[in-house]
Amino acid sequence: MKELTQGYKNIYIHYTTTIFHTIELIRHSVQLISTDTSTVHIASGFNKPIIAMYKKDPIAFKHWNPNCSNETHILFYKENINELNPEEIKAEWLN
């Protein structure tokens, strides 16, 4: 994770111990970059800009996509998230 953040300022990795820590971190964040986890839905609730990574499953995505009116970018992978390259996150997506 640290390697992905190199070269970008204002990116902070916090290793939380409870969901309540996570909620507060997201509440005070500028943007969320995450895999398909509860954090995407929490960020949606706070209407934060999101970059999310989802398995390519149209039926599941229809039901579980981020319902956020703010800027949202989705990267899809077929079987394994390691199919994605960090370069797929475009610089203009980062706030």
Protein backbone atom coordinates (compact mmCIF):
# COMPACT_ATOMS: atom_id res chain seq x y z
CA MET A 1 0.00 0.00 0.00
CA LYS A 2 2.79 2.43 0.84
CA GLU A 3 4.27 2.04 -2.65
CA LEU A 4 0.99 3.21 -4.21
CA THR A 5 1.05 6.42 -2.18
CA GLN A 6 4.59 7.47 -3.08
CA GLY A 7 4.69 10.57 -5.23
CA TYR A 8 1.35 11.87 -3.95
CA LYS A 9 1.03 14.31 -1.10
CA ASN A 10 -1.95 14.41 1.26
CA ILE A 11 -2.38 10.63 1.16
CA TYR A 12 -2.44 8.98 4.55
CA ILE A 13 -2.70 5.31 5.43
CA HIS A 14 -4.17 4.73 8.88
CA TYR A 15 -4.36 1.22 10.26
CA THR A 16 -7.63 1.31 12.18
CA THR A 17 -8.86 -1.04 14.85
CA THR A 18 -12.62 -0.45 14.71
CA ILE A 19 -15.25 0.48 12.14
CA PHE A 20 -15.88 3.67 14.12
CA HIS A 21 -12.30 4.81 13.47
CA THR A 22 -12.83 4.04 9.81
CA ILE A 23 -16.08 6.01 9.66
CA GLU A 24 -14.42 9.08 11.20
CA LEU A 25 -11.42 8.85 8.87
CA ILE A 26 -13.76 8.72 5.88
CA ARG A 27 -15.89 11.57 7.24
CA HIS A 28 -12.80 13.80 7.34
CA SER A 29 -11.22 12.54 4.12
CA VAL A 30 -11.17 14.35 0.81
CA GLN A 31 -11.58 11.16 -1.26
CA LEU A 32 -11.70 7.37 -0.89
CA ILE A 33 -9.75 4.83 -2.94
CA SER A 34 -10.82 1.30 -2.04
CA THR A 35 -11.76 -2.14 -3.16
CA ASP A 36 -15.40 -3.23 -2.95
CA THR A 37 -15.78 -3.04 0.83
CA SER A 38 -17.97 -1.31 3.37
CA THR A 39 -15.75 1.76 3.11
CA VAL A 40 -17.13 2.48 -0.37
CA HIS A 41 -20.65 2.54 1.02
CA ILE A 42 -19.63 4.68 3.99
CA ALA A 43 -17.97 7.18 1.63
CA SER A 44 -21.13 7.17 -0.49
CA GLY A 45 -23.12 8.07 2.61
CA PHE A 46 -20.84 11.06 3.14
CA ASN A 47 -20.98 11.89 -0.60
CA LYS A 48 -17.20 11.69 -0.95
CA PRO A 49 -15.45 11.31 -4.31
CA ILE A 50 -14.64 7.62 -4.80
CA ILE A 51 -12.28 5.46 -6.82
CA ALA A 52 -13.36 1.86 -6.33
CA MET A 53 -12.27 -1.51 -7.65
CA TYR A 54 -14.93 -4.15 -8.29
CA LYS A 55 -15.00 -7.64 -9.72
CA LYS A 56 -16.69 -7.56 -13.12
CA ASP A 57 -20.10 -8.95 -12.16
CA PRO A 58 -22.91 -6.81 -13.63
CA ILE A 59 -25.65 -8.32 -11.46
CA ALA A 60 -23.76 -7.80 -8.18
CA PHE A 61 -22.61 -4.34 -9.29
CA LYS A 62 -26.19 -3.32 -10.05
CA HIS A 63 -27.14 -4.09 -6.44
CA TRP A 64 -23.95 -3.02 -4.64
CA ASN A 65 -22.51 -0.12 -6.66
CA PRO A 66 -21.66 3.11 -4.87
CA ASN A 67 -24.81 5.22 -4.81
CA CYS A 68 -23.00 8.53 -4.69
CA SER A 69 -23.79 11.75 -6.52
CA ASN A 70 -20.19 12.92 -6.20
CA GLU A 71 -17.45 12.00 -8.67
CA THR A 72 -17.09 8.20 -8.75
CA HIS A 73 -14.70 6.10 -10.84
CA ILE A 74 -14.88 2.31 -11.02
CA LEU A 75 -12.13 -0.04 -12.14
CA PHE A 76 -13.23 -3.59 -12.96
CA TYR A 77 -11.19 -6.78 -12.83
CA LYS A 78 -12.19 -10.26 -14.06
CA GLU A 79 -11.00 -12.66 -11.36
CA ASN A 80 -8.33 -11.06 -9.21
CA ILE A 81 -7.69 -7.48 -8.19
CA ASN A 82 -4.02 -7.97 -9.11
CA GLU A 83 -5.16 -7.76 -12.74
CA LEU A 84 -5.41 -3.98 -12.23
CA ASN A 85 -2.41 -1.71 -12.64
CA PRO A 86 -1.93 1.39 -10.44
CA GLU A 87 -1.53 3.40 -13.66
CA GLU A 88 -5.24 2.81 -14.34
CA ILE A 89 -5.99 5.39 -11.65
CA LYS A 90 -5.79 8.59 -13.64
CA ALA A 91 -4.08 11.60 -12.05
CA GLU A 92 -7.10 13.82 -12.80
CA TRP A 93 -9.27 11.52 -10.65
CA LEU A 94 -7.21 12.34 -7.57
CA ASN A 95 -8.45 15.26 -5.50
